């Protein structure tokens, strides 16, 4: 497992995540030895706090981007850096305390058994989950399933996912889309089309209240319009490759024991 740990890292993209960033990073460091924080143009107090944490823990690395380019752009930039240093898989998770660090080892273990797969978190919502988040994502999930012909991408937006780096960079180099809130949708669908096996695992999701540092940059109208455009485009791109994607769907359904 030592070799597996040396080629897998946890990646925390962050834009003004407040005090929860340092707390999240510290929690992940308790679970995994390689943790990279990507400051995507952050200007709040989280910058100083996470740098202070890094000064006390050499296993935490900070990638500081001066301008905010969006989650997708930040993750892809950091994946390129990680690949240059020999990393082959990246577990991407939210930096604002929504995802439990305790699930990191499980995802890493599954990935070590299935190195060619993407391990996709499926959210288990609690009572604190905003209703618009629960109901609104059902539409996106339907279209993501449609774009993969119900082959195993069960949630289109959840940010707790382990991706193979090489394949992720390859598929995203073919498009200029998926650099912001649409990143997880775009990447999962394109990886599926490229023949990457999807493996789904349930993960609890929490929504820390503002008084505890909870921050949300989700803009209901802007981001839903972006997602609508994304699904329309991906749906059209699916049409000329229906037969090939159907064969992939059958393959992964069989291997995942869902046929």
C-alpha atoms as a PDB file:
ATOM      1  CA  UNK A   1       0.000   0.000   0.000  1.00  0.00           C
ATOM      2  CA  UNK A   2       3.020   2.264   0.435  1.00  0.00           C
ATOM      3  CA  UNK A   3       3.488   2.518  -3.333  1.00  0.00           C
ATOM      4  CA  UNK A   4      -0.221   3.194  -3.779  1.00  0.00           C
ATOM      5  CA  UNK A   5      -0.037   6.048  -1.280  1.00  0.00           C
ATOM      6  CA  UNK A   6       2.899   7.578  -3.111  1.00  0.00           C
ATOM      7  CA  UNK A   7       0.902   7.852  -6.360  1.00  0.00           C
ATOM      8  CA  UNK A   8      -2.417   9.101  -4.946  1.00  0.00           C
ATOM      9  CA  UNK A   9      -3.163  12.506  -3.491  1.00  0.00           C
ATOM     10  CA  UNK A  10      -6.129  14.406  -2.102  1.00  0.00           C
ATOM     11  CA  UNK A  11      -6.846  17.673  -3.882  1.00  0.00           C
ATOM     12  CA  UNK A  12      -8.823  20.482  -2.212  1.00  0.00           C
ATOM     13  CA  UNK A  13      -9.832  23.278  -4.605  1.00  0.00           C
ATOM     14  CA  UNK A  14     -10.791  26.375  -2.639  1.00  0.00           C
ATOM     15  CA  UNK A  15     -12.176  29.820  -3.336  1.00  0.00           C
ATOM     16  CA  UNK A  16     -12.752  31.910  -0.211  1.00  0.00           C
ATOM     17  CA  UNK A  17     -13.706  28.880   1.896  1.00  0.00           C
ATOM     18  CA  UNK A  18     -13.197  30.707   5.163  1.00  0.00           C
ATOM     19  CA  UNK A  19     -12.012  29.035   8.348  1.00  0.00           C
ATOM     20  CA  UNK A  20     -13.334  25.664   7.223  1.00  0.00           C
ATOM     21  CA  UNK A  21     -10.486  25.278   4.707  1.00  0.00           C
ATOM     22  CA  UNK A  22      -7.749  24.822   7.297  1.00  0.00           C
ATOM     23  CA  UNK A  23      -9.992  22.565   9.377  1.00  0.00           C
ATOM     24  CA  UNK A  24     -10.831  20.437   6.348  1.00  0.00           C
ATOM     25  CA  UNK A  25      -7.189  20.172   5.302  1.00  0.00           C
ATOM     26  CA  UNK A  26      -6.149  19.193   8.819  1.00  0.00           C
ATOM     27  CA  UNK A  27      -8.798  16.478   8.892  1.00  0.00           C
ATOM     28  CA  UNK A  28      -7.651  15.061   5.571  1.00  0.00           C
ATOM     29  CA  UNK A  29      -4.011  15.067   6.725  1.00  0.00           C
ATOM     30  CA  UNK A  30      -5.085  12.727   9.517  1.00  0.00           C
ATOM     31  CA  UNK A  31      -6.292  10.285   6.864  1.00  0.00           C
ATOM     32  CA  UNK A  32      -3.809  10.623   3.984  1.00  0.00           C
ATOM     33  CA  UNK A  33      -0.148  11.662   3.595  1.00  0.00           C
ATOM     34  CA  UNK A  34      -0.408  13.695   0.386  1.00  0.00           C
ATOM     35  CA  UNK A  35      -2.777  16.684   0.475  1.00  0.00           C
ATOM     36  CA  UNK A  36      -2.695  19.618  -1.940  1.00  0.00           C
ATOM     37  CA  UNK A  37      -4.782  22.754  -1.467  1.00  0.00           C
ATOM     38  CA  UNK A  38      -5.475  24.879  -4.544  1.00  0.00           C
ATOM     39  CA  UNK A  39      -6.182  28.489  -3.671  1.00  0.00           C
ATOM     40  CA  UNK A  40      -8.184  29.583  -6.707  1.00  0.00           C
ATOM     41  CA  UNK A  41      -7.790  33.334  -6.408  1.00  0.00           C
ATOM     42  CA  UNK A  42      -8.840  33.360  -2.757  1.00  0.00           C
ATOM     43  CA  UNK A  43      -8.737  36.708  -0.990  1.00  0.00           C
ATOM     44  CA  UNK A  44     -10.208  35.909   2.435  1.00  0.00           C
ATOM     45  CA  UNK A  45      -8.641  34.806   5.699  1.00  0.00           C
ATOM     46  CA  UNK A  46      -8.455  31.189   4.575  1.00  0.00           C
ATOM     47  CA  UNK A  47      -5.208  32.006   2.765  1.00  0.00           C
ATOM     48  CA  UNK A  48      -3.286  32.919   5.914  1.00  0.00           C
ATOM     49  CA  UNK A  49      -4.811  30.086   7.933  1.00  0.00           C
ATOM     50  CA  UNK A  50      -3.916  27.341   5.461  1.00  0.00           C
ATOM     51  CA  UNK A  51      -0.415  28.722   4.930  1.00  0.00           C
ATOM     52  CA  UNK A  52       0.037  28.627   8.705  1.00  0.00           C
ATOM     53  CA  UNK A  53      -1.081  24.985   8.716  1.00  0.00           C
ATOM     54  CA  UNK A  54       1.332  24.178   5.886  1.00  0.00           C
ATOM     55  CA  UNK A  55       4.210  25.746   7.797  1.00  0.00           C
ATOM     56  CA  UNK A  56       3.610  23.179  10.536  1.00  0.00           C
ATOM     57  CA  UNK A  57       3.004  20.164   8.284  1.00  0.00           C
ATOM     58  CA  UNK A  58       5.313  19.379   5.379  1.00  0.00           C
ATOM     59  CA  UNK A  59       2.771  16.922   3.939  1.00  0.00           C
ATOM     60  CA  UNK A  60       0.468  19.780   2.985  1.00  0.00           C
ATOM     61  CA  UNK A  61       1.246  21.542  -0.279  1.00  0.00           C
ATOM     62  CA  UNK A  62      -0.361  24.755  -1.457  1.00  0.00           C
ATOM     63  CA  UNK A  63      -0.873  25.717  -5.091  1.00  0.00           C
ATOM     64  CA  UNK A  64      -1.734  29.408  -5.123  1.00  0.00           C
ATOM     65  CA  UNK A  65      -3.445  30.744  -8.242  1.00  0.00           C
ATOM     66  CA  UNK A  66      -3.649  34.528  -8.254  1.00  0.00           C
ATOM     67  CA  UNK A  67      -6.845  34.792 -10.343  1.00  0.00           C
ATOM     68  CA  UNK A  68     -10.061  32.842  -9.891  1.00  0.00           C
ATOM     69  CA  UNK A  69     -10.527  30.602 -12.916  1.00  0.00           C
ATOM     70  CA  UNK A  70     -13.167  28.222 -11.612  1.00  0.00           C
ATOM     71  CA  UNK A  71     -13.049  24.809  -9.962  1.00  0.00           C
ATOM     72  CA  UNK A  72     -12.403  22.864 -13.148  1.00  0.00           C
ATOM     73  CA  UNK A  73      -9.552  25.068 -14.280  1.00  0.00           C
ATOM     74  CA  UNK A  74      -7.951  24.926 -10.828  1.00  0.00           C
ATOM     75  CA  UNK A  75      -8.225  21.145 -10.566  1.00  0.00           C
ATOM     76  CA  UNK A  76      -6.889  20.498 -14.065  1.00  0.00           C
ATOM     77  CA  UNK A  77      -3.957  22.858 -13.525  1.00  0.00           C
ATOM     78  CA  UNK A  78      -3.060  21.048 -10.319  1.00  0.00           C
ATOM     79  CA  UNK A  79      -3.524  17.623 -11.878  1.00  0.00           C
ATOM     80  CA  UNK A  80      -0.888  18.568 -14.450  1.00  0.00           C
ATOM     81  CA  UNK A  81       1.516  19.527 -11.663  1.00  0.00           C
ATOM     82  CA  UNK A  82       0.744  16.319  -9.793  1.00  0.00           C
ATOM     83  CA  UNK A  83       1.280  14.194 -12.879  1.00  0.00           C
ATOM     84  CA  UNK A  84       4.712  15.754 -13.356  1.00  0.00           C
ATOM     85  CA  UNK A  85       5.594  14.593  -9.844  1.00  0.00           C
ATOM     86  CA  UNK A  86       4.491  11.011 -10.449  1.00  0.00           C
ATOM     87  CA  UNK A  87       0.956  11.020  -9.059  1.00  0.00           C
ATOM     88  CA  UNK A  88      -1.536   8.905 -10.985  1.00  0.00           C
ATOM     89  CA  UNK A  89      -4.803   9.443  -9.104  1.00  0.00           C
ATOM     90  CA  UNK A  90      -6.405  12.441  -7.422  1.00  0.00           C
ATOM     91  CA  UNK A  91      -9.258  12.368  -4.942  1.00  0.00           C
ATOM     92  CA  UNK A  92     -11.000  15.724  -5.286  1.00  0.00           C
ATOM     93  CA  UNK A  93     -13.195  16.890  -2.408  1.00  0.00           C
ATOM     94  CA  UNK A  94     -14.788  20.133  -1.288  1.00  0.00           C
ATOM     95  CA  UNK A  95     -12.718  22.365   0.957  1.00  0.00           C
ATOM     96  CA  UNK A  96     -15.632  23.733   2.976  1.00  0.00           C
ATOM     97  CA  UNK A  97     -16.337  20.855   5.324  1.00  0.00           C
ATOM     98  CA  UNK A  98     -19.135  19.243   3.308  1.00  0.00           C
ATOM     99  CA  UNK A  99     -17.366  15.901   2.840  1.00  0.00           C
ATOM    100  CA  UNK A 100     -16.106  13.637   5.659  1.00  0.00           C
ATOM    101  CA  UNK A 101     -12.378  12.988   5.482  1.00  0.00           C
ATOM    102  CA  UNK A 102     -12.976   9.578   7.056  1.00  0.00           C
ATOM    103  CA  UNK A 103     -14.067   8.272   3.643  1.00  0.00           C
ATOM    104  CA  UNK A 104     -10.734   9.079   1.985  1.00  0.00           C
ATOM    105  CA  UNK A 105      -9.016   5.748   2.863  1.00  0.00           C
ATOM    106  CA  UNK A 106     -11.988   3.752   1.539  1.00  0.00           C
ATOM    107  CA  UNK A 107     -11.864   5.488  -1.842  1.00  0.00           C
ATOM    108  CA  UNK A 108      -8.099   5.080  -2.029  1.00  0.00           C
ATOM    109  CA  UNK A 109      -8.382   1.372  -1.261  1.00  0.00           C
ATOM    110  CA  UNK A 110     -11.011   0.843  -3.946  1.00  0.00           C
ATOM    111  CA  UNK A 111      -8.859   2.722  -6.419  1.00  0.00           C
ATOM    112  CA  UNK A 112      -5.863   0.530  -5.608  1.00  0.00           C
ATOM    113  CA  UNK A 113      -7.969  -2.514  -6.538  1.00  0.00           C
ATOM    114  CA  UNK A 114      -9.424  -0.854  -9.644  1.00  0.00           C
ATOM    115  CA  UNK A 115      -6.718   1.586 -10.812  1.00  0.00           C
ATOM    116  CA  UNK A 116      -8.388   2.231 -14.153  1.00  0.00           C
ATOM    117  CA  UNK A 117     -11.691   3.314 -12.599  1.00  0.00           C
ATOM    118  CA  UNK A 118     -13.183   6.566 -11.386  1.00  0.00           C
ATOM    119  CA  UNK A 119     -14.637   6.266  -7.899  1.00  0.00           C
ATOM    120  CA  UNK A 120     -17.736   8.437  -7.678  1.00  0.00           C
ATOM    121  CA  UNK A 121     -19.277   9.576  -4.432  1.00  0.00           C
ATOM    122  CA  UNK A 122     -23.061   9.459  -4.227  1.00  0.00           C
ATOM    123  CA  UNK A 123     -24.387  11.955  -1.653  1.00  0.00           C
ATOM    124  CA  UNK A 124     -26.310  10.788   1.378  1.00  0.00           C
ATOM    125  CA  UNK A 125     -28.189  13.898   2.477  1.00  0.00           C
ATOM    126  CA  UNK A 126     -28.968  14.763   6.058  1.00  0.00           C
ATOM    127  CA  UNK A 127     -31.649  16.961   7.551  1.00  0.00           C
ATOM    128  CA  UNK A 128     -29.442  20.028   7.040  1.00  0.00           C
ATOM    129  CA  UNK A 129     -29.442  19.716   3.242  1.00  0.00           C
ATOM    130  CA  UNK A 130     -31.146  22.640   1.420  1.00  0.00           C
ATOM    131  CA  UNK A 131     -34.219  21.350  -0.409  1.00  0.00           C
ATOM    132  CA  UNK A 132     -33.271  23.142  -3.637  1.00  0.00           C
ATOM    133  CA  UNK A 133     -29.979  21.237  -3.702  1.00  0.00           C
ATOM    134  CA  UNK A 134     -31.726  17.877  -3.316  1.00  0.00           C
ATOM    135  CA  UNK A 135     -34.564  18.427  -5.767  1.00  0.00           C
ATOM    136  CA  UNK A 136     -32.654  20.536  -8.274  1.00  0.00           C
ATOM    137  CA  UNK A 137     -29.905  17.987  -8.843  1.00  0.00           C
ATOM    138  CA  UNK A 138     -32.403  15.298  -9.818  1.00  0.00           C
ATOM    139  CA  UNK A 139     -32.783  16.906 -13.224  1.00  0.00           C
ATOM    140  CA  UNK A 140     -29.035  17.015 -13.746  1.00  0.00           C
ATOM    141  CA  UNK A 141     -28.678  13.427 -12.556  1.00  0.00           C
ATOM    142  CA  UNK A 142     -31.292  12.294 -15.059  1.00  0.00           C
ATOM    143  CA  UNK A 143     -29.451  13.889 -17.945  1.00  0.00           C
ATOM    144  CA  UNK A 144     -26.045  12.588 -16.804  1.00  0.00           C
ATOM    145  CA  UNK A 145     -27.537   9.097 -16.689  1.00  0.00           C
ATOM    146  CA  UNK A 146     -29.034   9.656 -20.127  1.00  0.00           C
ATOM    147  CA  UNK A 147     -25.672  10.814 -21.523  1.00  0.00           C
ATOM    148  CA  UNK A 148     -24.085   7.586 -20.247  1.00  0.00           C
ATOM    149  CA  UNK A 149     -27.172   5.464 -21.062  1.00  0.00           C
ATOM    150  CA  UNK A 150     -27.647   4.638 -17.385  1.00  0.00           C
ATOM    151  CA  UNK A 151     -24.198   3.075 -17.270  1.00  0.00           C
ATOM    152  CA  UNK A 152     -23.193   4.103 -13.766  1.00  0.00           C
ATOM    153  CA  UNK A 153     -22.757   7.864 -13.270  1.00  0.00           C
ATOM    154  CA  UNK A 154     -25.351   8.059 -10.518  1.00  0.00           C
ATOM    155  CA  UNK A 155     -24.752  11.643  -9.392  1.00  0.00           C
ATOM    156  CA  UNK A 156     -23.767  14.424 -11.763  1.00  0.00           C
ATOM    157  CA  UNK A 157     -22.483  17.038  -9.314  1.00  0.00           C
ATOM    158  CA  UNK A 158     -21.113  15.527  -6.126  1.00  0.00           C
ATOM    159  CA  UNK A 159     -17.564  16.778  -5.564  1.00  0.00           C
ATOM    160  CA  UNK A 160     -16.149  13.802  -3.633  1.00  0.00           C
ATOM    161  CA  UNK A 161     -14.571  11.783  -6.444  1.00  0.00           C
ATOM    162  CA  UNK A 162     -11.354   9.955  -7.236  1.00  0.00           C
ATOM    163  CA  UNK A 163     -10.161  10.427 -10.814  1.00  0.00           C
ATOM    164  CA  UNK A 164      -7.341   8.820 -12.825  1.00  0.00           C
ATOM    165  CA  UNK A 165      -5.143  11.805 -13.652  1.00  0.00           C
ATOM    166  CA  UNK A 166      -3.787  10.828 -17.057  1.00  0.00           C
ATOM    167  CA  UNK A 167      -7.189   9.983 -18.514  1.00  0.00           C
ATOM    168  CA  UNK A 168      -8.786  13.078 -16.973  1.00  0.00           C
ATOM    169  CA  UNK A 169      -6.240  15.391 -18.549  1.00  0.00           C
ATOM    170  CA  UNK A 170      -6.586  13.628 -21.885  1.00  0.00           C
ATOM    171  CA  UNK A 171     -10.363  13.928 -22.162  1.00  0.00           C
ATOM    172  CA  UNK A 172     -10.472  17.502 -20.877  1.00  0.00           C
ATOM    173  CA  UNK A 173      -7.741  18.614 -23.270  1.00  0.00           C
ATOM    174  CA  UNK A 174     -10.255  18.043 -26.069  1.00  0.00           C
ATOM    175  CA  UNK A 175     -12.697  20.664 -24.817  1.00  0.00           C
ATOM    176  CA  UNK A 176     -12.631  24.184 -23.392  1.00  0.00           C
ATOM    177  CA  UNK A 177     -15.787  23.490 -21.368  1.00  0.00           C
ATOM    178  CA  UNK A 178     -16.040  22.158 -17.834  1.00  0.00           C
ATOM    179  CA  UNK A 179     -13.793  24.721 -16.178  1.00  0.00           C
ATOM    180  CA  UNK A 180     -16.264  25.999 -13.593  1.00  0.00           C
ATOM    181  CA  UNK A 181     -19.290  24.570 -11.773  1.00  0.00           C
ATOM    182  CA  UNK A 182     -19.871  22.188 -14.684  1.00  0.00           C
ATOM    183  CA  UNK A 183     -16.518  20.434 -14.131  1.00  0.00           C
ATOM    184  CA  UNK A 184     -17.671  17.285 -12.334  1.00  0.00           C
ATOM    185  CA  UNK A 185     -20.496  16.684 -14.806  1.00  0.00           C
ATOM    186  CA  UNK A 186     -18.309  17.224 -17.859  1.00  0.00           C
ATOM    187  CA  UNK A 187     -15.424  15.097 -16.609  1.00  0.00           C
ATOM    188  CA  UNK A 188     -17.473  12.107 -15.418  1.00  0.00           C
ATOM    189  CA  UNK A 189     -19.412  11.854 -18.686  1.00  0.00           C
ATOM    190  CA  UNK A 190     -16.313  12.254 -20.850  1.00  0.00           C
ATOM    191  CA  UNK A 191     -14.372   9.691 -18.809  1.00  0.00           C
ATOM    192  CA  UNK A 192     -17.241   7.246 -19.234  1.00  0.00           C
ATOM    193  CA  UNK A 193     -17.194   7.826 -22.986  1.00  0.00           C
ATOM    194  CA  UNK A 194     -13.423   7.229 -22.943  1.00  0.00           C
ATOM    195  CA  UNK A 195     -13.921   3.787 -21.407  1.00  0.00           C
ATOM    196  CA  UNK A 196     -13.215   4.539 -17.729  1.00  0.00           C
ATOM    197  CA  UNK A 197     -15.175   2.301 -15.386  1.00  0.00           C
ATOM    198  CA  UNK A 198     -17.492   4.110 -12.930  1.00  0.00           C
ATOM    199  CA  UNK A 199     -17.698   2.767  -9.374  1.00  0.00           C
ATOM    200  CA  UNK A 200     -20.192   4.454  -7.044  1.00  0.00           C
ATOM    201  CA  UNK A 201     -19.966   4.659  -3.266  1.00  0.00           C
ATOM    202  CA  UNK A 202     -22.262   6.468  -0.797  1.00  0.00           C
ATOM    203  CA  UNK A 203     -20.781   9.421   1.096  1.00  0.00           C
ATOM    204  CA  UNK A 204     -22.564  11.611   3.678  1.00  0.00           C
ATOM    205  CA  UNK A 205     -22.735  15.298   2.831  1.00  0.00           C
ATOM    206  CA  UNK A 206     -22.996  18.093   5.384  1.00  0.00           C
ATOM    207  CA  UNK A 207     -23.934  21.756   5.015  1.00  0.00           C
ATOM    208  CA  UNK A 208     -22.217  23.714   7.798  1.00  0.00           C
ATOM    209  CA  UNK A 209     -24.293  26.738   8.860  1.00  0.00           C
ATOM    210  CA  UNK A 210     -22.901  30.231   8.323  1.00  0.00           C
ATOM    211  CA  UNK A 211     -22.325  30.706  12.046  1.00  0.00           C
ATOM    212  CA  UNK A 212     -19.885  27.779  11.883  1.00  0.00           C
ATOM    213  CA  UNK A 213     -18.135  29.137   8.795  1.00  0.00           C
ATOM    214  CA  UNK A 214     -20.322  27.604   6.091  1.00  0.00           C
ATOM    215  CA  UNK A 215     -19.833  29.302   2.732  1.00  0.00           C
ATOM    216  CA  UNK A 216     -21.601  28.723  -0.588  1.00  0.00           C
ATOM    217  CA  UNK A 217     -20.691  30.249  -3.940  1.00  0.00           C
ATOM    218  CA  UNK A 218     -23.530  28.487  -5.748  1.00  0.00           C
ATOM    219  CA  UNK A 219     -25.485  31.007  -7.845  1.00  0.00           C
ATOM    220  CA  UNK A 220     -28.863  29.433  -8.537  1.00  0.00           C
ATOM    221  CA  UNK A 221     -29.661  31.073 -11.886  1.00  0.00           C
ATOM    222  CA  UNK A 222     -26.126  31.369 -13.292  1.00  0.00           C
ATOM    223  CA  UNK A 223     -25.038  27.838 -12.430  1.00  0.00           C
ATOM    224  CA  UNK A 224     -28.272  26.164 -13.480  1.00  0.00           C
ATOM    225  CA  UNK A 225     -28.109  27.918 -16.859  1.00  0.00           C
ATOM    226  CA  UNK A 226     -24.523  26.677 -17.197  1.00  0.00           C
ATOM    227  CA  UNK A 227     -25.572  23.119 -16.385  1.00  0.00           C
ATOM    228  CA  UNK A 228     -28.483  23.284 -18.842  1.00  0.00           C
ATOM    229  CA  UNK A 229     -26.080  24.289 -21.605  1.00  0.00           C
ATOM    230  CA  UNK A 230     -23.677  21.536 -20.564  1.00  0.00           C
ATOM    231  CA  UNK A 231     -26.286  18.787 -20.733  1.00  0.00           C
ATOM    232  CA  UNK A 232     -27.634  20.045 -24.050  1.00  0.00           C
ATOM    233  CA  UNK A 233     -24.151  19.968 -25.560  1.00  0.00           C
ATOM    234  CA  UNK A 234     -23.245  16.576 -24.109  1.00  0.00           C
ATOM    235  CA  UNK A 235     -26.547  15.131 -25.279  1.00  0.00           C
ATOM    236  CA  UNK A 236     -25.828  16.219 -28.835  1.00  0.00           C
ATOM    237  CA  UNK A 237     -22.290  14.830 -28.645  1.00  0.00           C
ATOM    238  CA  UNK A 238     -23.686  11.480 -27.523  1.00  0.00           C
ATOM    239  CA  UNK A 239     -25.784  10.927 -30.653  1.00  0.00           C
ATOM    240  CA  UNK A 240     -23.027   9.917 -33.112  1.00  0.00           C
ATOM    241  CA  UNK A 241     -21.503   7.491 -30.601  1.00  0.00           C
ATOM    242  CA  UNK A 242     -24.641   5.840 -29.236  1.00  0.00           C
ATOM    243  CA  UNK A 243     -23.661   2.281 -30.156  1.00  0.00           C
ATOM    244  CA  UNK A 244     -20.172   2.546 -28.670  1.00  0.00           C
ATOM    245  CA  UNK A 245     -21.474   4.105 -25.453  1.00  0.00           C
ATOM    246  CA  UNK A 246     -24.168   1.429 -25.216  1.00  0.00           C
ATOM    247  CA  UNK A 247     -21.478  -1.260 -25.386  1.00  0.00           C
ATOM    248  CA  UNK A 248     -19.566   0.495 -22.603  1.00  0.00           C
ATOM    249  CA  UNK A 249     -22.745   0.678 -20.582  1.00  0.00           C
ATOM    250  CA  UNK A 250     -23.257  -3.073 -20.935  1.00  0.00           C
ATOM    251  CA  UNK A 251     -19.627  -3.741 -20.019  1.00  0.00           C
ATOM    252  CA  UNK A 252     -19.628  -1.671 -16.838  1.00  0.00           C
ATOM    253  CA  UNK A 253     -23.060  -2.858 -15.766  1.00  0.00           C
ATOM    254  CA  UNK A 254     -21.809  -6.427 -16.001  1.00  0.00           C
ATOM    255  CA  UNK A 255     -18.532  -5.783 -14.166  1.00  0.00           C
ATOM    256  CA  UNK A 256     -20.324  -3.816 -11.438  1.00  0.00           C
ATOM    257  CA  UNK A 257     -22.838  -6.621 -11.017  1.00  0.00           C
ATOM    258  CA  UNK A 258     -25.791  -4.478 -12.085  1.00  0.00           C
ATOM    259  CA  UNK A 259     -26.829  -6.097 -15.348  1.00  0.00           C
END
